[in-house]
Structures are given as C-alpha cells and as structure tokens.
N, C-alpha and C. Protein backbone atom coordinates (compact mmCIF):
# COMPACT_ATOMS: atom_id res chain seq x y z
N MET A 1 68.14 -26.40 -15.10
CA MET A 1 69.00 -27.22 -14.25
C MET A 1 68.20 -28.14 -13.34
N ASN A 2 66.90 -27.89 -13.15
CA ASN A 2 66.07 -28.71 -12.27
C ASN A 2 64.84 -29.22 -13.02
N GLU A 3 64.39 -30.41 -12.64
CA GLU A 3 63.12 -30.91 -13.18
C GLU A 3 61.96 -30.10 -12.58
N ILE A 4 60.79 -30.23 -13.21
CA ILE A 4 59.64 -29.49 -12.71
C ILE A 4 59.22 -30.04 -11.35
N SER A 5 58.50 -29.22 -10.61
CA SER A 5 58.17 -29.51 -9.21
C SER A 5 56.71 -29.91 -9.06
N ALA A 6 56.34 -30.22 -7.83
CA ALA A 6 54.94 -30.57 -7.55
C ALA A 6 54.02 -29.41 -7.89
N GLU A 7 54.49 -28.18 -7.68
CA GLU A 7 53.66 -27.01 -8.00
C GLU A 7 53.34 -26.94 -9.49
N HIS A 8 54.31 -27.33 -10.32
CA HIS A 8 54.05 -27.36 -11.75
C HIS A 8 52.96 -28.38 -12.08
N TRP A 9 53.05 -29.56 -11.49
CA TRP A 9 52.06 -30.60 -11.80
C TRP A 9 50.67 -30.18 -11.35
N ARG A 10 50.59 -29.47 -10.23
CA ARG A 10 49.28 -28.99 -9.78
C ARG A 10 48.71 -27.98 -10.77
N LEU A 11 49.57 -27.10 -11.28
CA LEU A 11 49.11 -26.13 -12.28
C LEU A 11 48.69 -26.84 -13.56
N VAL A 12 49.45 -27.84 -13.98
CA VAL A 12 49.10 -28.62 -15.17
C VAL A 12 47.71 -29.23 -15.01
N ALA A 13 47.46 -29.82 -13.84
CA ALA A 13 46.15 -30.44 -13.59
C ALA A 13 45.04 -29.39 -13.61
N GLN A 14 45.31 -28.22 -13.04
CA GLN A 14 44.31 -27.15 -13.02
C GLN A 14 43.99 -26.68 -14.44
N ILE A 15 45.03 -26.52 -15.25
CA ILE A 15 44.81 -26.09 -16.64
C ILE A 15 43.98 -27.13 -17.38
N ALA A 16 44.35 -28.40 -17.24
CA ALA A 16 43.62 -29.46 -17.94
C ALA A 16 42.15 -29.48 -17.54
N ALA A 17 41.88 -29.31 -16.25
CA ALA A 17 40.50 -29.38 -15.75
C ALA A 17 39.70 -28.13 -16.11
N GLU A 18 40.28 -26.96 -15.83
CA GLU A 18 39.52 -25.72 -16.01
C GLU A 18 39.46 -25.26 -17.46
N ALA A 19 40.54 -25.49 -18.21
CA ALA A 19 40.54 -25.11 -19.62
C ALA A 19 39.94 -26.22 -20.49
N ARG A 20 39.71 -27.39 -19.89
CA ARG A 20 39.14 -28.53 -20.60
C ARG A 20 39.94 -28.83 -21.87
N THR A 21 41.23 -28.97 -21.66
CA THR A 21 42.13 -29.18 -22.79
C THR A 21 43.17 -30.23 -22.44
N THR A 22 43.86 -30.69 -23.45
CA THR A 22 44.97 -31.62 -23.27
C THR A 22 46.24 -30.82 -22.99
N VAL A 23 46.97 -31.20 -21.97
CA VAL A 23 48.22 -30.53 -21.62
C VAL A 23 49.37 -31.51 -21.85
N VAL A 24 50.29 -31.14 -22.70
CA VAL A 24 51.48 -31.95 -22.96
C VAL A 24 52.64 -31.32 -22.22
N VAL A 25 53.30 -32.10 -21.35
CA VAL A 25 54.39 -31.59 -20.52
C VAL A 25 55.71 -32.19 -21.01
N PRO A 26 56.54 -31.40 -21.68
CA PRO A 26 57.83 -31.93 -22.15
C PRO A 26 58.86 -31.96 -21.03
N ILE A 27 59.45 -33.11 -20.80
CA ILE A 27 60.55 -33.23 -19.84
C ILE A 27 61.84 -33.24 -20.67
N TYR A 28 62.46 -32.10 -20.76
CA TYR A 28 63.59 -31.95 -21.69
C TYR A 28 64.93 -32.14 -20.97
N PRO A 29 65.99 -32.47 -21.70
CA PRO A 29 67.30 -32.64 -21.08
C PRO A 29 67.82 -31.33 -20.50
N LEU A 30 68.38 -31.40 -19.32
CA LEU A 30 68.81 -30.22 -18.57
C LEU A 30 70.30 -29.98 -18.75
N VAL A 31 70.75 -28.79 -18.34
CA VAL A 31 72.18 -28.50 -18.27
C VAL A 31 72.83 -29.53 -17.34
N PRO A 32 73.96 -30.11 -17.71
CA PRO A 32 74.83 -29.80 -18.84
C PRO A 32 74.56 -30.66 -20.08
N PHE A 33 73.50 -31.46 -20.06
CA PHE A 33 73.25 -32.39 -21.17
C PHE A 33 72.42 -31.74 -22.27
N GLY A 34 71.48 -30.88 -21.89
CA GLY A 34 70.63 -30.22 -22.87
C GLY A 34 71.20 -28.89 -23.30
N THR A 35 70.94 -28.53 -24.57
CA THR A 35 71.33 -27.22 -25.08
C THR A 35 70.12 -26.57 -25.74
N ALA A 36 70.19 -25.25 -25.86
CA ALA A 36 69.04 -24.49 -26.36
C ALA A 36 68.60 -24.94 -27.73
N ASP A 37 69.54 -25.12 -28.65
CA ASP A 37 69.19 -25.48 -30.02
C ASP A 37 68.43 -26.80 -30.05
N ALA A 38 68.95 -27.81 -29.38
CA ALA A 38 68.30 -29.13 -29.40
C ALA A 38 66.94 -29.10 -28.73
N VAL A 39 66.84 -28.42 -27.58
CA VAL A 39 65.59 -28.42 -26.84
C VAL A 39 64.52 -27.59 -27.55
N VAL A 40 64.88 -26.42 -28.04
CA VAL A 40 63.89 -25.61 -28.76
C VAL A 40 63.39 -26.35 -29.99
N THR A 41 64.28 -27.01 -30.70
CA THR A 41 63.88 -27.81 -31.86
C THR A 41 62.91 -28.91 -31.46
N ALA A 42 63.19 -29.57 -30.35
CA ALA A 42 62.32 -30.64 -29.88
C ALA A 42 60.94 -30.11 -29.49
N ILE A 43 60.88 -28.94 -28.87
CA ILE A 43 59.60 -28.35 -28.49
C ILE A 43 58.81 -27.95 -29.72
N VAL A 44 59.48 -27.42 -30.72
CA VAL A 44 58.81 -27.08 -31.97
C VAL A 44 58.20 -28.33 -32.60
N ASP A 45 58.98 -29.41 -32.66
CA ASP A 45 58.48 -30.66 -33.22
C ASP A 45 57.28 -31.19 -32.42
N LEU A 46 57.38 -31.09 -31.09
CA LEU A 46 56.30 -31.56 -30.23
C LEU A 46 55.04 -30.73 -30.44
N ALA A 47 55.21 -29.42 -30.59
CA ALA A 47 54.05 -28.55 -30.82
C ALA A 47 53.36 -28.89 -32.14
N ARG A 48 54.15 -29.19 -33.15
CA ARG A 48 53.57 -29.55 -34.45
C ARG A 48 52.85 -30.89 -34.37
N GLU A 49 53.42 -31.84 -33.66
CA GLU A 49 52.76 -33.13 -33.48
C GLU A 49 51.46 -32.97 -32.69
N ALA A 50 51.50 -32.14 -31.65
CA ALA A 50 50.30 -31.91 -30.84
C ALA A 50 49.21 -31.24 -31.66
N SER A 51 49.61 -30.33 -32.55
CA SER A 51 48.64 -29.67 -33.41
C SER A 51 47.95 -30.66 -34.33
N GLU A 52 48.70 -31.61 -34.87
CA GLU A 52 48.12 -32.62 -35.76
C GLU A 52 47.18 -33.55 -35.00
N GLN A 53 47.54 -33.83 -33.74
CA GLN A 53 46.76 -34.79 -32.96
C GLN A 53 45.56 -34.15 -32.26
N HIS A 54 45.75 -32.91 -31.75
CA HIS A 54 44.73 -32.31 -30.88
C HIS A 54 44.11 -31.04 -31.45
N GLY A 55 44.70 -30.47 -32.50
CA GLY A 55 44.17 -29.21 -33.02
C GLY A 55 44.99 -28.03 -32.52
N GLU A 56 44.34 -26.90 -32.36
CA GLU A 56 45.01 -25.64 -32.00
C GLU A 56 45.88 -25.78 -30.76
N VAL A 57 47.10 -25.23 -30.85
CA VAL A 57 48.08 -25.37 -29.78
C VAL A 57 48.46 -24.00 -29.22
N ARG A 58 48.55 -23.93 -27.91
CA ARG A 58 49.12 -22.78 -27.22
C ARG A 58 50.36 -23.25 -26.47
N LEU A 59 51.34 -22.37 -26.30
CA LEU A 59 52.55 -22.72 -25.57
C LEU A 59 52.63 -21.90 -24.28
N ALA A 60 53.14 -22.52 -23.23
CA ALA A 60 53.33 -21.84 -21.96
C ALA A 60 54.57 -22.38 -21.27
N GLY A 61 55.25 -21.52 -20.52
CA GLY A 61 56.43 -21.96 -19.78
C GLY A 61 56.83 -20.94 -18.75
N ASP A 62 57.55 -21.41 -17.73
CA ASP A 62 58.02 -20.48 -16.70
C ASP A 62 59.54 -20.53 -16.61
N SER A 63 60.13 -19.40 -16.27
CA SER A 63 61.57 -19.27 -16.06
C SER A 63 62.33 -19.69 -17.32
N ALA A 64 63.22 -20.69 -17.22
CA ALA A 64 63.91 -21.17 -18.42
C ALA A 64 62.91 -21.70 -19.43
N GLY A 65 61.82 -22.30 -18.95
CA GLY A 65 60.77 -22.76 -19.85
C GLY A 65 60.11 -21.62 -20.60
N GLY A 66 60.09 -20.42 -19.98
CA GLY A 66 59.58 -19.25 -20.68
C GLY A 66 60.47 -18.88 -21.85
N GLN A 67 61.78 -18.99 -21.64
CA GLN A 67 62.72 -18.72 -22.74
C GLN A 67 62.50 -19.72 -23.87
N ILE A 68 62.41 -20.98 -23.53
CA ILE A 68 62.20 -22.02 -24.54
C ILE A 68 60.89 -21.79 -25.28
N THR A 69 59.85 -21.43 -24.55
CA THR A 69 58.53 -21.21 -25.13
C THR A 69 58.55 -20.09 -26.15
N LEU A 70 59.11 -18.93 -25.78
CA LEU A 70 59.13 -17.80 -26.70
C LEU A 70 60.03 -18.08 -27.90
N SER A 71 61.17 -18.72 -27.66
CA SER A 71 62.06 -19.09 -28.76
C SER A 71 61.35 -20.04 -29.72
N ALA A 72 60.62 -21.01 -29.19
CA ALA A 72 59.90 -21.97 -30.03
C ALA A 72 58.82 -21.28 -30.84
N ALA A 73 58.13 -20.31 -30.23
CA ALA A 73 57.09 -19.55 -30.96
C ALA A 73 57.71 -18.84 -32.16
N MET A 74 58.92 -18.31 -31.99
CA MET A 74 59.60 -17.62 -33.09
C MET A 74 59.99 -18.59 -34.20
N VAL A 75 60.49 -19.77 -33.82
CA VAL A 75 60.86 -20.76 -34.82
C VAL A 75 59.63 -21.24 -35.58
N LEU A 76 58.53 -21.47 -34.88
CA LEU A 76 57.28 -21.88 -35.53
C LEU A 76 56.84 -20.83 -36.55
N ARG A 77 56.97 -19.57 -36.18
CA ARG A 77 56.62 -18.48 -37.11
C ARG A 77 57.54 -18.46 -38.32
N ASP A 78 58.84 -18.56 -38.06
CA ASP A 78 59.83 -18.36 -39.13
C ASP A 78 59.96 -19.56 -40.06
N GLN A 79 59.94 -20.76 -39.49
CA GLN A 79 60.20 -21.95 -40.30
C GLN A 79 58.95 -22.66 -40.80
N TYR A 80 57.82 -22.45 -40.10
CA TYR A 80 56.62 -23.19 -40.46
C TYR A 80 55.41 -22.30 -40.70
N ASN A 81 55.61 -21.00 -40.65
CA ASN A 81 54.53 -20.03 -40.90
C ASN A 81 53.34 -20.26 -39.96
N VAL A 82 53.65 -20.60 -38.71
CA VAL A 82 52.62 -20.86 -37.71
C VAL A 82 52.58 -19.68 -36.73
N THR A 83 51.41 -19.09 -36.58
CA THR A 83 51.21 -18.04 -35.58
C THR A 83 50.36 -18.62 -34.46
N LEU A 84 50.94 -18.73 -33.29
CA LEU A 84 50.22 -19.31 -32.16
C LEU A 84 49.13 -18.36 -31.67
N PRO A 85 47.99 -18.89 -31.26
CA PRO A 85 46.91 -18.04 -30.75
C PRO A 85 47.21 -17.47 -29.37
N ARG A 86 48.16 -18.06 -28.66
CA ARG A 86 48.55 -17.54 -27.34
C ARG A 86 49.89 -18.15 -26.95
N THR A 87 50.79 -17.30 -26.47
CA THR A 87 52.04 -17.75 -25.87
C THR A 87 52.10 -17.14 -24.48
N LEU A 88 52.19 -17.99 -23.46
CA LEU A 88 52.08 -17.53 -22.08
C LEU A 88 53.41 -17.75 -21.35
N LEU A 89 53.92 -16.69 -20.77
CA LEU A 89 55.25 -16.71 -20.15
C LEU A 89 55.15 -16.31 -18.69
N ILE A 90 55.67 -17.16 -17.82
CA ILE A 90 55.70 -16.89 -16.38
C ILE A 90 57.14 -16.63 -15.98
N SER A 91 57.44 -15.40 -15.57
CA SER A 91 58.80 -15.03 -15.15
C SER A 91 59.85 -15.54 -16.14
N PRO A 92 59.69 -15.22 -17.42
CA PRO A 92 60.58 -15.81 -18.43
C PRO A 92 62.01 -15.28 -18.38
N ALA A 93 62.95 -16.16 -18.71
CA ALA A 93 64.34 -15.75 -18.94
C ALA A 93 64.42 -15.32 -20.40
N LEU A 94 64.62 -14.05 -20.63
CA LEU A 94 64.49 -13.49 -21.98
C LEU A 94 65.82 -13.10 -22.62
N ASP A 95 66.79 -12.75 -21.81
CA ASP A 95 68.09 -12.30 -22.33
C ASP A 95 69.18 -12.85 -21.43
N LEU A 96 69.83 -13.93 -21.87
CA LEU A 96 70.81 -14.59 -21.02
C LEU A 96 72.16 -13.90 -21.02
N THR A 97 72.26 -12.75 -21.71
CA THR A 97 73.47 -11.94 -21.57
C THR A 97 73.48 -11.21 -20.22
N CYS A 98 72.32 -11.11 -19.58
CA CYS A 98 72.18 -10.39 -18.30
C CYS A 98 72.74 -8.96 -18.42
N SER A 99 72.52 -8.33 -19.55
CA SER A 99 73.11 -7.02 -19.80
C SER A 99 72.21 -5.85 -19.43
N ASN A 100 71.00 -6.14 -19.00
CA ASN A 100 70.08 -5.05 -18.64
C ASN A 100 70.64 -4.27 -17.45
N PRO A 101 70.81 -2.95 -17.59
CA PRO A 101 71.41 -2.17 -16.50
C PRO A 101 70.56 -2.10 -15.24
N ARG A 102 69.30 -2.50 -15.32
CA ARG A 102 68.43 -2.46 -14.14
C ARG A 102 68.57 -3.73 -13.29
N ILE A 103 69.22 -4.76 -13.80
CA ILE A 103 69.36 -6.00 -13.03
C ILE A 103 70.06 -5.76 -11.70
N PRO A 104 71.19 -5.04 -11.65
CA PRO A 104 71.84 -4.81 -10.34
C PRO A 104 70.96 -4.07 -9.34
N GLN A 105 70.02 -3.28 -9.83
CA GLN A 105 69.11 -2.57 -8.93
C GLN A 105 68.10 -3.51 -8.28
N VAL A 106 67.69 -4.54 -9.04
CA VAL A 106 66.70 -5.48 -8.54
C VAL A 106 67.35 -6.60 -7.72
N GLN A 107 68.61 -6.92 -8.02
CA GLN A 107 69.28 -8.07 -7.41
C GLN A 107 69.15 -8.14 -5.89
N PRO A 108 69.32 -7.05 -5.13
CA PRO A 108 69.23 -7.16 -3.67
C PRO A 108 67.87 -7.63 -3.15
N SER A 109 66.83 -7.47 -3.96
CA SER A 109 65.49 -7.85 -3.51
C SER A 109 65.07 -9.22 -4.01
N ASP A 110 65.92 -9.89 -4.78
CA ASP A 110 65.58 -11.20 -5.33
C ASP A 110 66.19 -12.29 -4.45
N PRO A 111 65.35 -13.08 -3.76
CA PRO A 111 65.87 -14.12 -2.86
C PRO A 111 66.24 -15.42 -3.57
N TRP A 112 65.93 -15.55 -4.85
CA TRP A 112 66.08 -16.83 -5.53
C TRP A 112 67.16 -16.84 -6.60
N LEU A 113 67.18 -15.82 -7.44
CA LEU A 113 68.08 -15.82 -8.59
C LEU A 113 69.23 -14.85 -8.40
N ALA A 114 70.37 -15.18 -9.00
CA ALA A 114 71.53 -14.29 -8.95
C ALA A 114 72.21 -14.30 -10.32
N GLU A 115 72.64 -13.13 -10.75
CA GLU A 115 73.24 -12.98 -12.06
C GLU A 115 74.45 -13.89 -12.30
N PRO A 116 75.39 -14.04 -11.33
CA PRO A 116 76.55 -14.90 -11.59
C PRO A 116 76.15 -16.34 -11.93
N GLY A 117 75.17 -16.87 -11.22
CA GLY A 117 74.73 -18.23 -11.49
C GLY A 117 74.07 -18.35 -12.86
N ILE A 118 73.25 -17.36 -13.21
CA ILE A 118 72.60 -17.39 -14.52
C ILE A 118 73.64 -17.40 -15.63
N ARG A 119 74.69 -16.62 -15.47
CA ARG A 119 75.74 -16.56 -16.51
C ARG A 119 76.42 -17.92 -16.68
N VAL A 120 76.67 -18.62 -15.58
CA VAL A 120 77.31 -19.93 -15.66
C VAL A 120 76.40 -20.92 -16.41
N PHE A 121 75.12 -20.97 -16.02
CA PHE A 121 74.20 -21.90 -16.68
C PHE A 121 73.97 -21.51 -18.13
N ALA A 122 73.89 -20.20 -18.40
CA ALA A 122 73.66 -19.73 -19.77
C ALA A 122 74.78 -20.16 -20.70
N ASP A 123 76.00 -20.11 -20.20
CA ASP A 123 77.14 -20.48 -21.04
C ASP A 123 77.07 -21.94 -21.44
N ARG A 124 76.55 -22.79 -20.56
CA ARG A 124 76.40 -24.20 -20.89
C ARG A 124 75.16 -24.44 -21.75
N TRP A 125 74.11 -23.72 -21.46
CA TRP A 125 72.85 -23.90 -22.16
C TRP A 125 72.94 -23.50 -23.63
N ARG A 126 73.73 -22.47 -23.94
CA ARG A 126 73.78 -21.98 -25.32
C ARG A 126 74.45 -22.98 -26.26
N GLY A 127 75.27 -23.89 -25.75
CA GLY A 127 75.94 -24.86 -26.59
C GLY A 127 76.86 -24.17 -27.59
N GLU A 128 76.64 -24.42 -28.88
CA GLU A 128 77.46 -23.80 -29.92
C GLU A 128 76.88 -22.49 -30.43
N LEU A 129 75.74 -22.09 -29.89
CA LEU A 129 75.09 -20.87 -30.36
C LEU A 129 75.65 -19.64 -29.65
N PRO A 130 75.64 -18.49 -30.32
CA PRO A 130 75.98 -17.24 -29.63
C PRO A 130 74.96 -16.96 -28.53
N ILE A 131 75.38 -16.30 -27.49
CA ILE A 131 74.49 -16.02 -26.37
C ILE A 131 73.32 -15.14 -26.76
N ASP A 132 73.49 -14.35 -27.83
CA ASP A 132 72.42 -13.46 -28.26
C ASP A 132 71.59 -14.05 -29.41
N ASP A 133 71.75 -15.33 -29.69
CA ASP A 133 70.89 -15.99 -30.67
C ASP A 133 69.48 -16.07 -30.10
N PRO A 134 68.44 -15.80 -30.89
CA PRO A 134 67.07 -15.83 -30.36
C PRO A 134 66.65 -17.18 -29.79
N ARG A 135 67.34 -18.26 -30.15
CA ARG A 135 67.03 -19.56 -29.56
C ARG A 135 67.59 -19.68 -28.14
N VAL A 136 68.43 -18.73 -27.77
CA VAL A 136 68.99 -18.67 -26.41
C VAL A 136 68.42 -17.47 -25.65
N SER A 137 68.40 -16.33 -26.32
CA SER A 137 67.94 -15.07 -25.74
C SER A 137 66.86 -14.49 -26.66
N PRO A 138 65.61 -14.90 -26.50
CA PRO A 138 64.57 -14.49 -27.45
C PRO A 138 64.32 -12.99 -27.50
N LEU A 139 64.74 -12.25 -26.47
CA LEU A 139 64.58 -10.80 -26.52
C LEU A 139 65.38 -10.20 -27.67
N ALA A 140 66.39 -10.91 -28.14
CA ALA A 140 67.20 -10.44 -29.27
C ALA A 140 66.52 -10.68 -30.61
N GLY A 141 65.44 -11.43 -30.61
CA GLY A 141 64.75 -11.76 -31.85
C GLY A 141 63.70 -10.73 -32.23
N ASP A 142 63.15 -10.90 -33.41
CA ASP A 142 62.09 -10.03 -33.93
C ASP A 142 60.74 -10.57 -33.46
N LEU A 143 59.96 -9.74 -32.81
CA LEU A 143 58.66 -10.18 -32.30
C LEU A 143 57.54 -10.03 -33.32
N ALA A 144 57.77 -9.27 -34.35
CA ALA A 144 56.71 -9.00 -35.33
C ALA A 144 56.15 -10.29 -35.90
N GLY A 145 54.83 -10.37 -35.95
CA GLY A 145 54.19 -11.55 -36.51
C GLY A 145 53.85 -12.62 -35.50
N LEU A 146 54.25 -12.44 -34.25
CA LEU A 146 53.85 -13.39 -33.21
C LEU A 146 52.40 -13.16 -32.83
N GLY A 147 51.77 -14.22 -32.32
CA GLY A 147 50.43 -14.07 -31.79
C GLY A 147 50.46 -13.41 -30.42
N PRO A 148 49.30 -13.26 -29.79
CA PRO A 148 49.21 -12.58 -28.50
C PRO A 148 50.10 -13.23 -27.42
N LEU A 149 50.69 -12.37 -26.60
CA LEU A 149 51.54 -12.82 -25.50
C LEU A 149 50.86 -12.47 -24.17
N THR A 150 51.00 -13.36 -23.19
CA THR A 150 50.60 -13.08 -21.82
C THR A 150 51.82 -13.30 -20.94
N VAL A 151 52.16 -12.31 -20.13
CA VAL A 151 53.38 -12.36 -19.31
C VAL A 151 53.04 -12.09 -17.85
N PHE A 152 53.62 -12.91 -16.97
CA PHE A 152 53.52 -12.70 -15.52
C PHE A 152 54.91 -12.42 -14.98
N THR A 153 55.05 -11.39 -14.17
CA THR A 153 56.36 -11.04 -13.62
C THR A 153 56.20 -10.34 -12.28
N GLY A 154 57.15 -10.57 -11.38
CA GLY A 154 57.17 -9.88 -10.09
C GLY A 154 58.34 -8.92 -10.02
N THR A 155 58.19 -7.86 -9.28
CA THR A 155 59.24 -6.83 -9.25
C THR A 155 60.46 -7.24 -8.43
N HIS A 156 60.35 -8.30 -7.61
CA HIS A 156 61.50 -8.80 -6.86
C HIS A 156 62.13 -10.00 -7.57
N ASP A 157 62.24 -9.88 -8.87
CA ASP A 157 62.80 -10.92 -9.73
C ASP A 157 63.77 -10.24 -10.68
N ILE A 158 65.02 -10.70 -10.73
CA ILE A 158 65.99 -10.03 -11.61
C ILE A 158 65.65 -10.20 -13.08
N LEU A 159 64.69 -11.05 -13.40
CA LEU A 159 64.23 -11.16 -14.79
C LEU A 159 63.16 -10.12 -15.12
N ASN A 160 62.68 -9.41 -14.12
CA ASN A 160 61.63 -8.40 -14.33
C ASN A 160 62.03 -7.27 -15.27
N PRO A 161 63.25 -6.72 -15.19
CA PRO A 161 63.61 -5.65 -16.13
C PRO A 161 63.52 -6.07 -17.59
N ASP A 162 63.88 -7.30 -17.89
CA ASP A 162 63.78 -7.76 -19.28
C ASP A 162 62.33 -7.98 -19.69
N ALA A 163 61.46 -8.30 -18.73
CA ALA A 163 60.04 -8.42 -19.05
C ALA A 163 59.49 -7.06 -19.51
N HIS A 164 59.99 -5.99 -18.90
CA HIS A 164 59.59 -4.65 -19.33
C HIS A 164 60.07 -4.37 -20.75
N LEU A 165 61.29 -4.80 -21.06
CA LEU A 165 61.80 -4.62 -22.42
C LEU A 165 60.96 -5.41 -23.42
N LEU A 166 60.56 -6.63 -23.03
CA LEU A 166 59.71 -7.42 -23.91
C LEU A 166 58.40 -6.71 -24.18
N ARG A 167 57.83 -6.12 -23.16
CA ARG A 167 56.58 -5.36 -23.35
C ARG A 167 56.79 -4.21 -24.32
N ASP A 168 57.90 -3.49 -24.17
CA ASP A 168 58.19 -2.37 -25.07
C ASP A 168 58.40 -2.84 -26.50
N HIS A 169 59.15 -3.93 -26.66
CA HIS A 169 59.42 -4.46 -27.99
C HIS A 169 58.14 -4.98 -28.65
N ALA A 170 57.28 -5.60 -27.86
CA ALA A 170 56.02 -6.11 -28.40
C ALA A 170 55.15 -4.96 -28.89
N LYS A 171 55.09 -3.90 -28.12
CA LYS A 171 54.30 -2.74 -28.53
C LYS A 171 54.84 -2.16 -29.83
N ALA A 172 56.16 -2.04 -29.92
CA ALA A 172 56.78 -1.48 -31.13
C ALA A 172 56.54 -2.37 -32.34
N ALA A 173 56.44 -3.69 -32.11
CA ALA A 173 56.26 -4.64 -33.20
C ALA A 173 54.79 -4.87 -33.54
N GLY A 174 53.90 -4.24 -32.78
CA GLY A 174 52.49 -4.42 -33.04
C GLY A 174 51.93 -5.74 -32.56
N VAL A 175 52.59 -6.33 -31.56
CA VAL A 175 52.16 -7.62 -31.00
C VAL A 175 51.31 -7.38 -29.75
N GLU A 176 50.16 -7.99 -29.71
CA GLU A 176 49.29 -7.85 -28.55
C GLU A 176 49.95 -8.48 -27.32
N MET A 177 49.97 -7.74 -26.21
CA MET A 177 50.54 -8.29 -24.99
C MET A 177 49.66 -7.96 -23.78
N GLU A 178 49.46 -8.97 -22.95
CA GLU A 178 48.78 -8.83 -21.67
C GLU A 178 49.87 -8.95 -20.60
N PHE A 179 50.08 -7.91 -19.83
CA PHE A 179 51.22 -7.83 -18.92
C PHE A 179 50.73 -7.79 -17.48
N HIS A 180 51.04 -8.84 -16.72
CA HIS A 180 50.66 -8.92 -15.31
C HIS A 180 51.91 -8.76 -14.46
N GLU A 181 51.98 -7.67 -13.74
CA GLU A 181 53.13 -7.41 -12.87
C GLU A 181 52.65 -7.20 -11.44
N GLU A 182 53.31 -7.88 -10.49
CA GLU A 182 52.95 -7.76 -9.09
C GLU A 182 54.13 -7.18 -8.31
N LYS A 183 53.89 -6.05 -7.65
CA LYS A 183 54.94 -5.40 -6.88
C LYS A 183 55.30 -6.23 -5.65
N GLY A 184 56.60 -6.37 -5.42
CA GLY A 184 57.09 -7.06 -4.24
C GLY A 184 57.06 -8.58 -4.33
N LEU A 185 56.65 -9.11 -5.47
CA LEU A 185 56.59 -10.57 -5.58
C LEU A 185 57.79 -11.11 -6.35
N VAL A 186 58.03 -12.40 -6.15
CA VAL A 186 59.28 -13.01 -6.57
C VAL A 186 59.11 -13.81 -7.86
N HIS A 187 60.21 -14.43 -8.25
CA HIS A 187 60.26 -15.29 -9.44
C HIS A 187 59.18 -16.37 -9.38
N VAL A 188 58.49 -16.58 -10.49
CA VAL A 188 57.42 -17.57 -10.67
C VAL A 188 56.37 -17.51 -9.55
N TYR A 189 55.99 -16.31 -9.16
CA TYR A 189 55.01 -16.17 -8.09
C TYR A 189 53.67 -16.86 -8.40
N PRO A 190 53.24 -17.01 -9.67
CA PRO A 190 51.97 -17.70 -9.89
C PRO A 190 51.94 -19.15 -9.41
N LEU A 191 53.11 -19.74 -9.14
CA LEU A 191 53.13 -21.12 -8.66
C LEU A 191 53.03 -21.22 -7.14
N LEU A 192 53.10 -20.08 -6.45
CA LEU A 192 53.13 -20.11 -4.99
C LEU A 192 51.73 -20.28 -4.40
N PRO A 193 51.62 -20.91 -3.22
CA PRO A 193 50.32 -21.14 -2.58
C PRO A 193 49.83 -19.90 -1.84
N THR A 194 49.61 -18.82 -2.58
CA THR A 194 49.14 -17.55 -2.03
C THR A 194 47.90 -17.10 -2.79
N ARG A 195 47.22 -16.08 -2.24
CA ARG A 195 46.04 -15.57 -2.94
C ARG A 195 46.40 -14.97 -4.29
N THR A 196 47.54 -14.27 -4.33
CA THR A 196 47.97 -13.69 -5.60
C THR A 196 48.32 -14.78 -6.60
N GLY A 197 49.00 -15.81 -6.12
CA GLY A 197 49.31 -16.94 -6.98
C GLY A 197 48.06 -17.64 -7.48
N GLU A 198 47.09 -17.80 -6.58
CA GLU A 198 45.83 -18.44 -6.97
C GLU A 198 45.12 -17.64 -8.06
N ALA A 199 45.09 -16.31 -7.89
CA ALA A 199 44.45 -15.46 -8.89
C ALA A 199 45.16 -15.55 -10.24
N ALA A 200 46.50 -15.60 -10.20
CA ALA A 200 47.27 -15.72 -11.44
C ALA A 200 46.99 -17.05 -12.11
N ARG A 201 46.91 -18.11 -11.35
CA ARG A 201 46.66 -19.44 -11.93
C ARG A 201 45.29 -19.50 -12.61
N ALA A 202 44.31 -18.81 -12.04
CA ALA A 202 42.99 -18.78 -12.66
C ALA A 202 43.05 -18.08 -14.02
N ILE A 203 43.83 -17.00 -14.09
CA ILE A 203 43.98 -16.29 -15.37
C ILE A 203 44.71 -17.18 -16.38
N ILE A 204 45.74 -17.88 -15.91
CA ILE A 204 46.51 -18.76 -16.79
C ILE A 204 45.60 -19.82 -17.40
N ALA A 205 44.78 -20.47 -16.58
CA ALA A 205 43.88 -21.48 -17.10
C ALA A 205 42.89 -20.89 -18.11
N GLU A 206 42.42 -19.69 -17.82
CA GLU A 206 41.47 -19.05 -18.74
C GLU A 206 42.14 -18.72 -20.08
N ARG A 207 43.37 -18.20 -20.03
CA ARG A 207 44.04 -17.82 -21.27
C ARG A 207 44.44 -19.03 -22.12
N LEU A 208 44.57 -20.18 -21.49
CA LEU A 208 44.96 -21.38 -22.23
C LEU A 208 43.76 -22.22 -22.65
N THR A 209 42.57 -21.71 -22.42
CA THR A 209 41.37 -22.40 -22.87
C THR A 209 41.31 -22.37 -24.39
N VAL A 210 41.11 -23.52 -24.98
CA VAL A 210 41.05 -23.61 -26.44
C VAL A 210 39.61 -23.47 -26.90
C-alpha cells in the first residue's frame, strides 16, 4: 500500500557498495491497482532479464515485498527451472489468511501491524486468486527445491509466528535456512537506525554478495 521509504534506499545503496553488485529496485503497482498475480509475474520477468544482463541473481524483499520475493522464487523454480542462490526475506508476509493461532498472542506487542488491516489489504491484493494461492500466501506452497533462504524477524511482529512456520517447513523440505530472530524487536527492524538494525544490514549486504 506504500512506496518504499528513505530507509529502503539507504539499504539499497549499502548493498550496492558493500556487495559490489547491481541492485535493481522494482517499483510495482500498489493496492488497489496492483494484484499479486500481475506483480509476481512482473518480478519473475525482471529477475530473468537481470540474469541475462548481469549474471547470477538473488532476490530480497521486506514485508509485502518478502511475500512477492518468495512467491517469485517459487515461480522461477516451477516455470523456468531456476534455483536462486539466495532468497532473503525481511519480516515477510507469508500467509495472508492470518490463520496462525499465535497471531492474537503477538498482536498486543506489535505497534505497527494489525490483523484486521492486513485482511482488508489481502483481499484486494489477491485479485482473482484464492487467498491461499502460493502467489498470494507463499507459506501454502511447496518449498522443496528452493535455494538457501535467509530470514529476519522480530518477536514483536504479528508476522513472526508465520516466520517460524516457514523455518519448520523449510527444514522438512530440506531447504537450507538462515534464521535471524530478535526478541522484542518490531516489523522490518533491520531498516531501523539502531545497532541491531546496523548489524542486520551488514549481514544482508554480505548474503547478497555475488
């Protein structure tokens, strides 16, 4: 629902400088104009174009961008037989059904996100797709065959319970996962101007080094 912020651009610049790589930033259509199917397809096409132009491609995204990123990685695997060397997710939205029973337990400690709002945006974002389609809710998809995943999540984020499910599903599917969880921290904490955020950003740049 919102365009990326100054904090995103600073992280983009850090990745480009420290990872010594080209960073392509897709500015995709937002709710109510953008839908999951169209945007995920566009990201897949962009990733393929970037691969032809620059070589090996890694995908990264935060929040809704994390959902798009993981969904795109699945489409690349299924439709183009492409296994990404790294998919990096920052506080990803993984299951837009909001059905995880632990969400109400975390909700009182989350100052940013609320389940009712997510449900409203999710209903518009899914377009004609079912809410549990992997292009909308990638946690519903099969993880087997994906490349390594790196996930950042804070315990004061209502998306944190689904990040735990993703870790469990990845282990069951034999997918390598690096799981960074910070107690007491909020949604997209790696973007914040804090020591913990700074440390997370350094790891992000390192993992995206080609």
